[in-house]
């Protein structure tokens, strides 16, 4: 295991033990097969125990794994004929949000998503997936183009939040996100939103209003990150684990509170362990829902979408 978190140490230790036993077997030519098999059984049991009892903070860590698939990875794995489109036609092309037309099993869709980057240079180029106002305006331009041609919209959410810099505020960060919320709620084509990593604050909501909203199993979706919540309430990041539990930000919490429509399963140990299988699960969910949503009229889509989000947070006494 190349990158491991603290809670994965028992798993990493077993991998190391198995490797050492194999090295001894190779050096001494003594059959150690029984020992290897015993350790492999223990490894699988440990994986089940560790990954089935993850805390909220551990899932936040998993969503940030450096090898976790990002938007471009999913596009490569589930789409054909992707044509990237650039610019908001006002300021510039925001590299933190990518989008364009593609085909999924021959069906044309508009795919839009955050792109964080895989290494230091690419993360700087992509601004760590934190979009400026022009990123959300580019996303809206592409959605309107999809609506014009009657094509469904698929958004992939993975951001630490909208960029909080002074220049972003000067160019209307809040207005850009708010306009997207308004416009996405009345788009006359099917919209499917999937949280593939981090879903933080308005940065995620800016492309997160859809007929169906899903989260991958080891992702989070919240108004604020655990670190920022901890720094506000406790004046330090030390309480981030407690903050993560209190925020109820995991996929299970969000589904239980009826804020999302479902959870897309990941391979044991996270999406990075088997990106192909994860992508197939995402692809199946998209195609299944498009078959249902495409049969609805424009008025039905808009009315049901507005009703869906209007019911959130409403309490009857």
C-alpha atoms as a PDB file:
ATOM      1  CA  UNK A   1       0.000   0.000   0.000  1.00  0.00           C
ATOM      2  CA  UNK A   2       1.650   3.267  -1.161  1.00  0.00           C
ATOM      3  CA  UNK A   3      -0.409   5.817   0.779  1.00  0.00           C
ATOM      4  CA  UNK A   4      -1.940   4.726   4.077  1.00  0.00           C
ATOM      5  CA  UNK A   5      -3.800   6.577   6.808  1.00  0.00           C
ATOM      6  CA  UNK A   6      -3.372   5.938  10.529  1.00  0.00           C
ATOM      7  CA  UNK A   7      -6.496   3.806  10.730  1.00  0.00           C
ATOM      8  CA  UNK A   8      -5.175   1.594   7.907  1.00  0.00           C
ATOM      9  CA  UNK A   9      -1.982   0.699   9.803  1.00  0.00           C
ATOM     10  CA  UNK A  10      -3.155  -2.839  10.787  1.00  0.00           C
ATOM     11  CA  UNK A  11      -3.771  -3.538   7.081  1.00  0.00           C
ATOM     12  CA  UNK A  12      -0.402  -2.087   6.043  1.00  0.00           C
ATOM     13  CA  UNK A  13       1.339  -4.184   8.723  1.00  0.00           C
ATOM     14  CA  UNK A  14      -0.221  -7.376   7.352  1.00  0.00           C
ATOM     15  CA  UNK A  15       0.859  -6.496   3.810  1.00  0.00           C
ATOM     16  CA  UNK A  16       4.406  -6.047   5.149  1.00  0.00           C
ATOM     17  CA  UNK A  17       4.285  -9.401   6.972  1.00  0.00           C
ATOM     18  CA  UNK A  18       3.090 -11.207   3.845  1.00  0.00           C
ATOM     19  CA  UNK A  19       5.853  -9.618   1.785  1.00  0.00           C
ATOM     20  CA  UNK A  20       8.497 -10.616   4.350  1.00  0.00           C
ATOM     21  CA  UNK A  21       7.275 -14.228   4.459  1.00  0.00           C
ATOM     22  CA  UNK A  22       7.414 -14.413   0.662  1.00  0.00           C
ATOM     23  CA  UNK A  23      10.962 -13.041   0.706  1.00  0.00           C
ATOM     24  CA  UNK A  24      12.008 -15.664   3.279  1.00  0.00           C
ATOM     25  CA  UNK A  25      10.392 -18.373   1.159  1.00  0.00           C
ATOM     26  CA  UNK A  26      12.263 -17.200  -1.913  1.00  0.00           C
ATOM     27  CA  UNK A  27      15.590 -16.981  -0.080  1.00  0.00           C
ATOM     28  CA  UNK A  28      15.400 -20.292   1.847  1.00  0.00           C
ATOM     29  CA  UNK A  29      13.344 -22.279  -0.707  1.00  0.00           C
ATOM     30  CA  UNK A  30      11.191 -23.472   2.215  1.00  0.00           C
ATOM     31  CA  UNK A  31       7.453 -23.785   1.478  1.00  0.00           C
ATOM     32  CA  UNK A  32       5.711 -21.005   3.426  1.00  0.00           C
ATOM     33  CA  UNK A  33       2.419 -21.280   1.522  1.00  0.00           C
ATOM     34  CA  UNK A  34       0.358 -22.163   4.603  1.00  0.00           C
ATOM     35  CA  UNK A  35       1.676 -19.137   6.506  1.00  0.00           C
ATOM     36  CA  UNK A  36       0.983 -16.839   3.546  1.00  0.00           C
ATOM     37  CA  UNK A  37      -2.572 -18.136   3.171  1.00  0.00           C
ATOM     38  CA  UNK A  38      -3.194 -17.686   6.897  1.00  0.00           C
ATOM     39  CA  UNK A  39      -1.968 -14.100   6.746  1.00  0.00           C
ATOM     40  CA  UNK A  40      -4.050 -13.409   3.621  1.00  0.00           C
ATOM     41  CA  UNK A  41      -7.196 -14.651   5.404  1.00  0.00           C
ATOM     42  CA  UNK A  42      -6.357 -12.422   8.357  1.00  0.00           C
ATOM     43  CA  UNK A  43      -5.752  -9.522   5.932  1.00  0.00           C
ATOM     44  CA  UNK A  44      -9.225  -9.862   4.399  1.00  0.00           C
ATOM     45  CA  UNK A  45     -10.834 -10.053   7.844  1.00  0.00           C
ATOM     46  CA  UNK A  46      -8.930  -6.964   8.985  1.00  0.00           C
ATOM     47  CA  UNK A  47      -9.965  -5.063   5.848  1.00  0.00           C
ATOM     48  CA  UNK A  48     -13.618  -5.897   6.497  1.00  0.00           C
ATOM     49  CA  UNK A  49     -13.344  -4.777  10.125  1.00  0.00           C
ATOM     50  CA  UNK A  50     -11.476  -1.526   9.363  1.00  0.00           C
ATOM     51  CA  UNK A  51     -13.465  -0.375   6.338  1.00  0.00           C
ATOM     52  CA  UNK A  52     -16.903  -1.317   7.685  1.00  0.00           C
ATOM     53  CA  UNK A  53     -16.471   0.722  10.874  1.00  0.00           C
ATOM     54  CA  UNK A  54     -14.983   3.935   9.498  1.00  0.00           C
ATOM     55  CA  UNK A  55     -15.759   7.160  11.351  1.00  0.00           C
ATOM     56  CA  UNK A  56     -16.838  10.385   9.678  1.00  0.00           C
ATOM     57  CA  UNK A  57     -13.304  11.797   9.840  1.00  0.00           C
ATOM     58  CA  UNK A  58     -11.837   8.607   8.368  1.00  0.00           C
ATOM     59  CA  UNK A  59     -14.224   8.899   5.424  1.00  0.00           C
ATOM     60  CA  UNK A  60     -13.130  12.506   4.958  1.00  0.00           C
ATOM     61  CA  UNK A  61      -9.540  11.264   4.808  1.00  0.00           C
ATOM     62  CA  UNK A  62     -10.511   8.557   2.314  1.00  0.00           C
ATOM     63  CA  UNK A  63     -12.225  11.123   0.074  1.00  0.00           C
ATOM     64  CA  UNK A  64      -8.905  13.002  -0.104  1.00  0.00           C
ATOM     65  CA  UNK A  65      -6.734   9.998  -0.984  1.00  0.00           C
ATOM     66  CA  UNK A  66      -4.140  11.212  -3.523  1.00  0.00           C
ATOM     67  CA  UNK A  67      -4.802   8.243  -5.813  1.00  0.00           C
ATOM     68  CA  UNK A  68      -8.583   8.602  -5.734  1.00  0.00           C
ATOM     69  CA  UNK A  69     -10.171   8.876  -9.225  1.00  0.00           C
ATOM     70  CA  UNK A  70     -11.077  12.401 -10.297  1.00  0.00           C
ATOM     71  CA  UNK A  71     -13.432  13.784 -12.944  1.00  0.00           C
ATOM     72  CA  UNK A  72     -11.080  13.200 -15.884  1.00  0.00           C
ATOM     73  CA  UNK A  73     -10.583   9.586 -14.716  1.00  0.00           C
ATOM     74  CA  UNK A  74     -14.324   8.931 -14.737  1.00  0.00           C
ATOM     75  CA  UNK A  75     -14.676  10.589 -18.135  1.00  0.00           C
ATOM     76  CA  UNK A  76     -11.930   8.328 -19.509  1.00  0.00           C
ATOM     77  CA  UNK A  77     -13.493   5.220 -17.972  1.00  0.00           C
ATOM     78  CA  UNK A  78     -17.205   5.697 -18.757  1.00  0.00           C
ATOM     79  CA  UNK A  79     -17.406   8.137 -21.682  1.00  0.00           C
ATOM     80  CA  UNK A  80     -16.643   8.098 -25.375  1.00  0.00           C
ATOM     81  CA  UNK A  81     -15.926  11.060 -27.673  1.00  0.00           C
ATOM     82  CA  UNK A  82     -15.447  13.629 -24.907  1.00  0.00           C
ATOM     83  CA  UNK A  83     -15.041  17.154 -26.305  1.00  0.00           C
ATOM     84  CA  UNK A  84     -13.938  19.656 -23.673  1.00  0.00           C
ATOM     85  CA  UNK A  85     -15.417  23.151 -23.882  1.00  0.00           C
ATOM     86  CA  UNK A  86     -13.701  26.191 -22.391  1.00  0.00           C
ATOM     87  CA  UNK A  87     -14.411  29.614 -20.962  1.00  0.00           C
ATOM     88  CA  UNK A  88     -17.313  31.573 -19.489  1.00  0.00           C
ATOM     89  CA  UNK A  89     -17.246  34.133 -22.364  1.00  0.00           C
ATOM     90  CA  UNK A  90     -16.714  36.902 -19.814  1.00  0.00           C
ATOM     91  CA  UNK A  91     -13.471  36.591 -17.839  1.00  0.00           C
ATOM     92  CA  UNK A  92     -11.452  33.457 -18.585  1.00  0.00           C
ATOM     93  CA  UNK A  93     -11.392  29.675 -18.585  1.00  0.00           C
ATOM     94  CA  UNK A  94     -11.425  28.372 -15.010  1.00  0.00           C
ATOM     95  CA  UNK A  95      -9.338  25.189 -14.897  1.00  0.00           C
ATOM     96  CA  UNK A  96     -10.891  24.027 -11.595  1.00  0.00           C
ATOM     97  CA  UNK A  97     -14.107  23.081 -13.413  1.00  0.00           C
ATOM     98  CA  UNK A  98     -14.050  21.085 -16.626  1.00  0.00           C
ATOM     99  CA  UNK A  99     -16.914  20.193 -18.926  1.00  0.00           C
ATOM    100  CA  UNK A 100     -17.997  19.182 -22.370  1.00  0.00           C
ATOM    101  CA  UNK A 101     -20.162  16.905 -24.463  1.00  0.00           C
ATOM    102  CA  UNK A 102     -19.538  13.162 -24.324  1.00  0.00           C
ATOM    103  CA  UNK A 103     -21.313   9.891 -25.007  1.00  0.00           C
ATOM    104  CA  UNK A 104     -22.139   7.198 -22.482  1.00  0.00           C
ATOM    105  CA  UNK A 105     -23.038   3.980 -24.276  1.00  0.00           C
ATOM    106  CA  UNK A 106     -23.895   6.071 -27.328  1.00  0.00           C
ATOM    107  CA  UNK A 107     -26.102   8.524 -25.409  1.00  0.00           C
ATOM    108  CA  UNK A 108     -24.990  12.166 -25.613  1.00  0.00           C
ATOM    109  CA  UNK A 109     -24.629  14.005 -22.302  1.00  0.00           C
ATOM    110  CA  UNK A 110     -23.006  17.159 -20.973  1.00  0.00           C
ATOM    111  CA  UNK A 111     -20.439  16.196 -18.309  1.00  0.00           C
ATOM    112  CA  UNK A 112     -19.276  18.879 -15.862  1.00  0.00           C
ATOM    113  CA  UNK A 113     -17.060  18.402 -12.825  1.00  0.00           C
ATOM    114  CA  UNK A 114     -14.379  19.687 -10.488  1.00  0.00           C
ATOM    115  CA  UNK A 115     -10.798  18.659 -11.249  1.00  0.00           C
ATOM    116  CA  UNK A 116      -8.281  18.874  -8.381  1.00  0.00           C
ATOM    117  CA  UNK A 117      -5.147  17.605 -10.092  1.00  0.00           C
ATOM    118  CA  UNK A 118      -2.902  14.628  -9.338  1.00  0.00           C
ATOM    119  CA  UNK A 119       0.472  16.249  -8.560  1.00  0.00           C
ATOM    120  CA  UNK A 120       1.722  19.561  -7.202  1.00  0.00           C
ATOM    121  CA  UNK A 121       2.070  21.259 -10.584  1.00  0.00           C
ATOM    122  CA  UNK A 122      -1.352  20.110 -11.784  1.00  0.00           C
ATOM    123  CA  UNK A 123      -3.003  21.033  -8.468  1.00  0.00           C
ATOM    124  CA  UNK A 124      -1.662  24.559  -8.781  1.00  0.00           C
ATOM    125  CA  UNK A 125      -2.882  24.700 -12.392  1.00  0.00           C
ATOM    126  CA  UNK A 126      -6.338  23.491 -11.293  1.00  0.00           C
ATOM    127  CA  UNK A 127      -6.352  25.681  -8.166  1.00  0.00           C
ATOM    128  CA  UNK A 128      -6.853  22.502  -6.105  1.00  0.00           C
ATOM    129  CA  UNK A 129     -10.364  22.124  -7.550  1.00  0.00           C
ATOM    130  CA  UNK A 130     -11.543  25.402  -5.985  1.00  0.00           C
ATOM    131  CA  UNK A 131     -13.454  27.284  -8.656  1.00  0.00           C
ATOM    132  CA  UNK A 132     -13.655  31.041  -9.136  1.00  0.00           C
ATOM    133  CA  UNK A 133     -16.935  32.693 -10.223  1.00  0.00           C
ATOM    134  CA  UNK A 134     -16.021  32.185 -13.878  1.00  0.00           C
ATOM    135  CA  UNK A 135     -15.880  28.438 -13.224  1.00  0.00           C
ATOM    136  CA  UNK A 136     -19.510  28.389 -12.132  1.00  0.00           C
ATOM    137  CA  UNK A 137     -20.447  30.703 -14.998  1.00  0.00           C
ATOM    138  CA  UNK A 138     -18.710  28.331 -17.414  1.00  0.00           C
ATOM    139  CA  UNK A 139     -20.648  25.434 -15.879  1.00  0.00           C
ATOM    140  CA  UNK A 140     -23.914  27.336 -16.302  1.00  0.00           C
ATOM    141  CA  UNK A 141     -23.071  28.207 -19.904  1.00  0.00           C
ATOM    142  CA  UNK A 142     -22.519  24.521 -20.643  1.00  0.00           C
ATOM    143  CA  UNK A 143     -25.747  23.531 -18.903  1.00  0.00           C
ATOM    144  CA  UNK A 144     -27.691  26.054 -20.946  1.00  0.00           C
ATOM    145  CA  UNK A 145     -26.059  24.694 -24.090  1.00  0.00           C
ATOM    146  CA  UNK A 146     -27.106  21.176 -23.099  1.00  0.00           C
ATOM    147  CA  UNK A 147     -30.642  22.421 -22.500  1.00  0.00           C
ATOM    148  CA  UNK A 148     -30.673  24.086 -25.935  1.00  0.00           C
ATOM    149  CA  UNK A 149     -29.830  20.789 -27.628  1.00  0.00           C
ATOM    150  CA  UNK A 150     -31.959  18.630 -25.313  1.00  0.00           C
ATOM    151  CA  UNK A 151     -29.040  16.740 -23.747  1.00  0.00           C
ATOM    152  CA  UNK A 152     -28.934  15.506 -20.118  1.00  0.00           C
ATOM    153  CA  UNK A 153     -26.430  16.999 -17.670  1.00  0.00           C
ATOM    154  CA  UNK A 154     -24.149  14.918 -15.417  1.00  0.00           C
ATOM    155  CA  UNK A 155     -22.099  16.724 -12.749  1.00  0.00           C
ATOM    156  CA  UNK A 156     -19.224  15.209 -10.748  1.00  0.00           C
ATOM    157  CA  UNK A 157     -18.557  17.027  -7.475  1.00  0.00           C
ATOM    158  CA  UNK A 158     -15.135  17.046  -5.797  1.00  0.00           C
ATOM    159  CA  UNK A 159     -14.024  20.294  -4.171  1.00  0.00           C
ATOM    160  CA  UNK A 160     -12.807  21.695  -0.849  1.00  0.00           C
ATOM    161  CA  UNK A 161     -15.054  24.672  -1.589  1.00  0.00           C
ATOM    162  CA  UNK A 162     -15.359  27.639  -3.897  1.00  0.00           C
ATOM    163  CA  UNK A 163     -12.175  29.724  -4.029  1.00  0.00           C
ATOM    164  CA  UNK A 164     -12.277  32.169  -1.064  1.00  0.00           C
ATOM    165  CA  UNK A 165      -9.836  34.757  -2.464  1.00  0.00           C
ATOM    166  CA  UNK A 166     -10.510  38.483  -2.594  1.00  0.00           C
ATOM    167  CA  UNK A 167     -10.555  38.520  -6.404  1.00  0.00           C
ATOM    168  CA  UNK A 168     -13.241  35.809  -6.430  1.00  0.00           C
ATOM    169  CA  UNK A 169     -15.445  37.893  -4.166  1.00  0.00           C
ATOM    170  CA  UNK A 170     -14.809  40.987  -6.309  1.00  0.00           C
ATOM    171  CA  UNK A 171     -16.061  39.112  -9.384  1.00  0.00           C
ATOM    172  CA  UNK A 172     -19.194  37.894  -7.587  1.00  0.00           C
ATOM    173  CA  UNK A 173     -18.564  34.421  -6.189  1.00  0.00           C
ATOM    174  CA  UNK A 174     -21.790  34.354  -4.169  1.00  0.00           C
ATOM    175  CA  UNK A 175     -23.899  35.640  -7.059  1.00  0.00           C
ATOM    176  CA  UNK A 176     -22.417  33.080  -9.479  1.00  0.00           C
ATOM    177  CA  UNK A 177     -23.215  30.158  -7.175  1.00  0.00           C
ATOM    178  CA  UNK A 178     -26.676  31.510  -6.317  1.00  0.00           C
ATOM    179  CA  UNK A 179     -27.505  31.929 -10.007  1.00  0.00           C
ATOM    180  CA  UNK A 180     -26.475  28.328 -10.653  1.00  0.00           C
ATOM    181  CA  UNK A 181     -28.800  27.142  -7.897  1.00  0.00           C
ATOM    182  CA  UNK A 182     -31.651  29.050  -9.488  1.00  0.00           C
ATOM    183  CA  UNK A 183     -30.927  28.046 -13.071  1.00  0.00           C
ATOM    184  CA  UNK A 184     -30.231  24.376 -12.314  1.00  0.00           C
ATOM    185  CA  UNK A 185     -33.524  24.075 -10.467  1.00  0.00           C
ATOM    186  CA  UNK A 186     -35.422  24.951 -13.675  1.00  0.00           C
ATOM    187  CA  UNK A 187     -33.280  23.272 -16.346  1.00  0.00           C
ATOM    188  CA  UNK A 188     -35.573  21.484 -18.796  1.00  0.00           C
ATOM    189  CA  UNK A 189     -33.319  18.445 -19.206  1.00  0.00           C
ATOM    190  CA  UNK A 190     -32.455  15.597 -16.783  1.00  0.00           C
ATOM    191  CA  UNK A 191     -29.708  16.485 -14.282  1.00  0.00           C
ATOM    192  CA  UNK A 192     -27.747  13.875 -12.323  1.00  0.00           C
ATOM    193  CA  UNK A 193     -25.238  14.981  -9.663  1.00  0.00           C
ATOM    194  CA  UNK A 194     -22.663  12.674  -8.072  1.00  0.00           C
ATOM    195  CA  UNK A 195     -20.258  13.495  -5.223  1.00  0.00           C
ATOM    196  CA  UNK A 196     -17.077  11.608  -6.165  1.00  0.00           C
ATOM    197  CA  UNK A 197     -14.800  13.044  -3.469  1.00  0.00           C
ATOM    198  CA  UNK A 198     -15.240  16.116  -1.300  1.00  0.00           C
ATOM    199  CA  UNK A 199     -18.497  18.037  -1.350  1.00  0.00           C
ATOM    200  CA  UNK A 200     -17.798  21.230   0.527  1.00  0.00           C
ATOM    201  CA  UNK A 201     -20.149  24.153   0.951  1.00  0.00           C
ATOM    202  CA  UNK A 202     -21.355  26.331  -1.923  1.00  0.00           C
ATOM    203  CA  UNK A 203     -18.456  25.125  -4.023  1.00  0.00           C
ATOM    204  CA  UNK A 204     -20.224  21.779  -4.289  1.00  0.00           C
ATOM    205  CA  UNK A 205     -23.766  23.171  -4.412  1.00  0.00           C
ATOM    206  CA  UNK A 206     -22.856  25.345  -7.392  1.00  0.00           C
ATOM    207  CA  UNK A 207     -23.129  22.258  -9.598  1.00  0.00           C
ATOM    208  CA  UNK A 208     -25.176  20.140  -7.190  1.00  0.00           C
ATOM    209  CA  UNK A 209     -28.872  20.751  -7.944  1.00  0.00           C
ATOM    210  CA  UNK A 210     -30.297  17.789  -9.833  1.00  0.00           C
ATOM    211  CA  UNK A 211     -33.168  15.362 -10.332  1.00  0.00           C
ATOM    212  CA  UNK A 212     -30.953  12.731  -8.713  1.00  0.00           C
ATOM    213  CA  UNK A 213     -28.117  13.429  -6.284  1.00  0.00           C
ATOM    214  CA  UNK A 214     -25.793  10.586  -5.280  1.00  0.00           C
ATOM    215  CA  UNK A 215     -22.672  10.145  -3.181  1.00  0.00           C
ATOM    216  CA  UNK A 216     -19.964   7.565  -3.563  1.00  0.00           C
ATOM    217  CA  UNK A 217     -19.591   5.456  -0.428  1.00  0.00           C
ATOM    218  CA  UNK A 218     -16.444   7.114   0.971  1.00  0.00           C
ATOM    219  CA  UNK A 219     -17.233  10.769   0.298  1.00  0.00           C
ATOM    220  CA  UNK A 220     -18.605  13.661   2.337  1.00  0.00           C
ATOM    221  CA  UNK A 221     -21.036  16.502   1.701  1.00  0.00           C
ATOM    222  CA  UNK A 222     -21.443  19.397   4.114  1.00  0.00           C
ATOM    223  CA  UNK A 223     -21.816  23.142   4.553  1.00  0.00           C
ATOM    224  CA  UNK A 224     -18.255  23.307   5.927  1.00  0.00           C
ATOM    225  CA  UNK A 225     -15.167  21.111   6.243  1.00  0.00           C
ATOM    226  CA  UNK A 226     -14.432  19.487   9.640  1.00  0.00           C
ATOM    227  CA  UNK A 227     -11.204  21.516   9.993  1.00  0.00           C
ATOM    228  CA  UNK A 228     -12.941  24.836   9.358  1.00  0.00           C
ATOM    229  CA  UNK A 229     -15.809  23.898  11.667  1.00  0.00           C
ATOM    230  CA  UNK A 230     -13.301  22.997  14.396  1.00  0.00           C
ATOM    231  CA  UNK A 231     -11.388  26.258  13.917  1.00  0.00           C
ATOM    232  CA  UNK A 232     -14.611  28.283  14.298  1.00  0.00           C
ATOM    233  CA  UNK A 233     -16.034  26.422  17.314  1.00  0.00           C
ATOM    234  CA  UNK A 234     -12.824  25.473  19.160  1.00  0.00           C
ATOM    235  CA  UNK A 235     -10.327  27.976  17.698  1.00  0.00           C
ATOM    236  CA  UNK A 236      -8.099  25.132  16.468  1.00  0.00           C
ATOM    237  CA  UNK A 237      -8.156  22.130  14.116  1.00  0.00           C
ATOM    238  CA  UNK A 238      -7.639  19.692  17.000  1.00  0.00           C
ATOM    239  CA  UNK A 239     -11.353  18.861  17.258  1.00  0.00           C
ATOM    240  CA  UNK A 240     -11.788  18.003  13.563  1.00  0.00           C
ATOM    241  CA  UNK A 241     -12.750  14.387  14.341  1.00  0.00           C
ATOM    242  CA  UNK A 242     -15.520  15.529  16.693  1.00  0.00           C
ATOM    243  CA  UNK A 243     -16.617  18.139  14.163  1.00  0.00           C
ATOM    244  CA  UNK A 244     -16.845  15.491  11.429  1.00  0.00           C
ATOM    245  CA  UNK A 245     -19.167  13.377  13.586  1.00  0.00           C
ATOM    246  CA  UNK A 246     -21.324  16.365  14.557  1.00  0.00           C
ATOM    247  CA  UNK A 247     -21.690  17.588  10.967  1.00  0.00           C
ATOM    248  CA  UNK A 248     -23.288  14.270   9.860  1.00  0.00           C
ATOM    249  CA  UNK A 249     -21.472  14.565   6.555  1.00  0.00           C
ATOM    250  CA  UNK A 250     -21.093  10.935   5.446  1.00  0.00           C
ATOM    251  CA  UNK A 251     -23.130   9.364   2.655  1.00  0.00           C
ATOM    252  CA  UNK A 252     -25.079   7.293   5.197  1.00  0.00           C
ATOM    253  CA  UNK A 253     -25.915  10.402   7.240  1.00  0.00           C
ATOM    254  CA  UNK A 254     -26.973  12.334   4.157  1.00  0.00           C
ATOM    255  CA  UNK A 255     -29.186   9.497   2.934  1.00  0.00           C
ATOM    256  CA  UNK A 256     -30.723   9.104   6.388  1.00  0.00           C
ATOM    257  CA  UNK A 257     -31.616  12.803   6.390  1.00  0.00           C
ATOM    258  CA  UNK A 258     -33.100  12.472   2.878  1.00  0.00           C
ATOM    259  CA  UNK A 259     -30.672  14.989   1.415  1.00  0.00           C
ATOM    260  CA  UNK A 260     -29.426  12.629  -1.305  1.00  0.00           C
ATOM    261  CA  UNK A 261     -31.143   9.946  -3.365  1.00  0.00           C
ATOM    262  CA  UNK A 262     -28.692   7.094  -2.905  1.00  0.00           C
ATOM    263  CA  UNK A 263     -25.180   5.807  -2.273  1.00  0.00           C
ATOM    264  CA  UNK A 264     -22.989   4.361  -5.021  1.00  0.00           C
ATOM    265  CA  UNK A 265     -20.881   1.475  -3.745  1.00  0.00           C
ATOM    266  CA  UNK A 266     -17.085   1.556  -3.825  1.00  0.00           C
ATOM    267  CA  UNK A 267     -14.700  -1.413  -3.784  1.00  0.00           C
ATOM    268  CA  UNK A 268     -13.442  -2.442  -0.331  1.00  0.00           C
ATOM    269  CA  UNK A 269     -10.789   0.065   0.700  1.00  0.00           C
ATOM    270  CA  UNK A 270     -11.984   2.914  -1.490  1.00  0.00           C
ATOM    271  CA  UNK A 271     -12.437   3.900  -5.140  1.00  0.00           C
ATOM    272  CA  UNK A 272      -8.665   4.133  -5.664  1.00  0.00           C
ATOM    273  CA  UNK A 273      -8.325   0.383  -5.060  1.00  0.00           C
ATOM    274  CA  UNK A 274     -10.331  -0.394  -8.211  1.00  0.00           C
ATOM    275  CA  UNK A 275     -11.234   2.693 -10.276  1.00  0.00           C
ATOM    276  CA  UNK A 276     -12.647   0.573 -13.131  1.00  0.00           C
ATOM    277  CA  UNK A 277     -15.250  -1.115 -10.893  1.00  0.00           C
ATOM    278  CA  UNK A 278     -16.151   2.200  -9.272  1.00  0.00           C
ATOM    279  CA  UNK A 279     -16.596   3.792 -12.696  1.00  0.00           C
ATOM    280  CA  UNK A 280     -18.832   0.911 -13.808  1.00  0.00           C
ATOM    281  CA  UNK A 281     -21.027   1.454 -10.727  1.00  0.00           C
ATOM    282  CA  UNK A 282     -21.256   5.169 -11.544  1.00  0.00           C
ATOM    283  CA  UNK A 283     -22.007   4.465 -15.210  1.00  0.00           C
ATOM    284  CA  UNK A 284     -24.780   1.990 -14.354  1.00  0.00           C
ATOM    285  CA  UNK A 285     -26.440   4.475 -12.004  1.00  0.00           C
ATOM    286  CA  UNK A 286     -26.311   7.239 -14.639  1.00  0.00           C
ATOM    287  CA  UNK A 287     -27.769   5.047 -17.404  1.00  0.00           C
ATOM    288  CA  UNK A 288     -30.488   3.590 -15.142  1.00  0.00           C
ATOM    289  CA  UNK A 289     -31.631   7.059 -14.102  1.00  0.00           C
ATOM    290  CA  UNK A 290     -31.440   8.576 -17.576  1.00  0.00           C
ATOM    291  CA  UNK A 291     -33.780   5.847 -18.811  1.00  0.00           C
ATOM    292  CA  UNK A 292     -36.335   6.944 -16.195  1.00  0.00           C
ATOM    293  CA  UNK A 293     -35.803  10.713 -16.353  1.00  0.00           C
ATOM    294  CA  UNK A 294     -35.763  10.929 -20.151  1.00  0.00           C
ATOM    295  CA  UNK A 295     -39.324   9.600 -20.207  1.00  0.00           C
ATOM    296  CA  UNK A 296     -40.583  12.575 -18.189  1.00  0.00           C
ATOM    297  CA  UNK A 297     -41.799  15.812 -19.739  1.00  0.00           C
ATOM    298  CA  UNK A 298     -39.940  19.089 -19.212  1.00  0.00           C
ATOM    299  CA  UNK A 299     -42.648  20.354 -16.869  1.00  0.00           C
ATOM    300  CA  UNK A 300     -42.542  17.159 -14.811  1.00  0.00           C
ATOM    301  CA  UNK A 301     -38.766  17.328 -14.449  1.00  0.00           C
ATOM    302  CA  UNK A 302     -38.789  20.934 -13.247  1.00  0.00           C
ATOM    303  CA  UNK A 303     -41.777  20.519 -10.918  1.00  0.00           C
ATOM    304  CA  UNK A 304     -40.386  17.370  -9.292  1.00  0.00           C
ATOM    305  CA  UNK A 305     -36.903  18.887  -8.904  1.00  0.00           C
ATOM    306  CA  UNK A 306     -38.238  22.027  -7.234  1.00  0.00           C
ATOM    307  CA  UNK A 307     -40.505  19.966  -4.989  1.00  0.00           C
ATOM    308  CA  UNK A 308     -37.622  17.675  -4.024  1.00  0.00           C
ATOM    309  CA  UNK A 309     -35.396  20.517  -2.807  1.00  0.00           C
ATOM    310  CA  UNK A 310     -38.243  22.524  -1.285  1.00  0.00           C
ATOM    311  CA  UNK A 311     -39.010  19.661   1.096  1.00  0.00           C
ATOM    312  CA  UNK A 312     -35.469  19.586   2.526  1.00  0.00           C
ATOM    313  CA  UNK A 313     -35.224  20.986   6.036  1.00  0.00           C
ATOM    314  CA  UNK A 314     -38.985  21.226   6.493  1.00  0.00           C
ATOM    315  CA  UNK A 315     -40.308  19.950   9.833  1.00  0.00           C
ATOM    316  CA  UNK A 316     -43.953  19.099  10.504  1.00  0.00           C
ATOM    317  CA  UNK A 317     -45.063  19.264  14.142  1.00  0.00           C
END
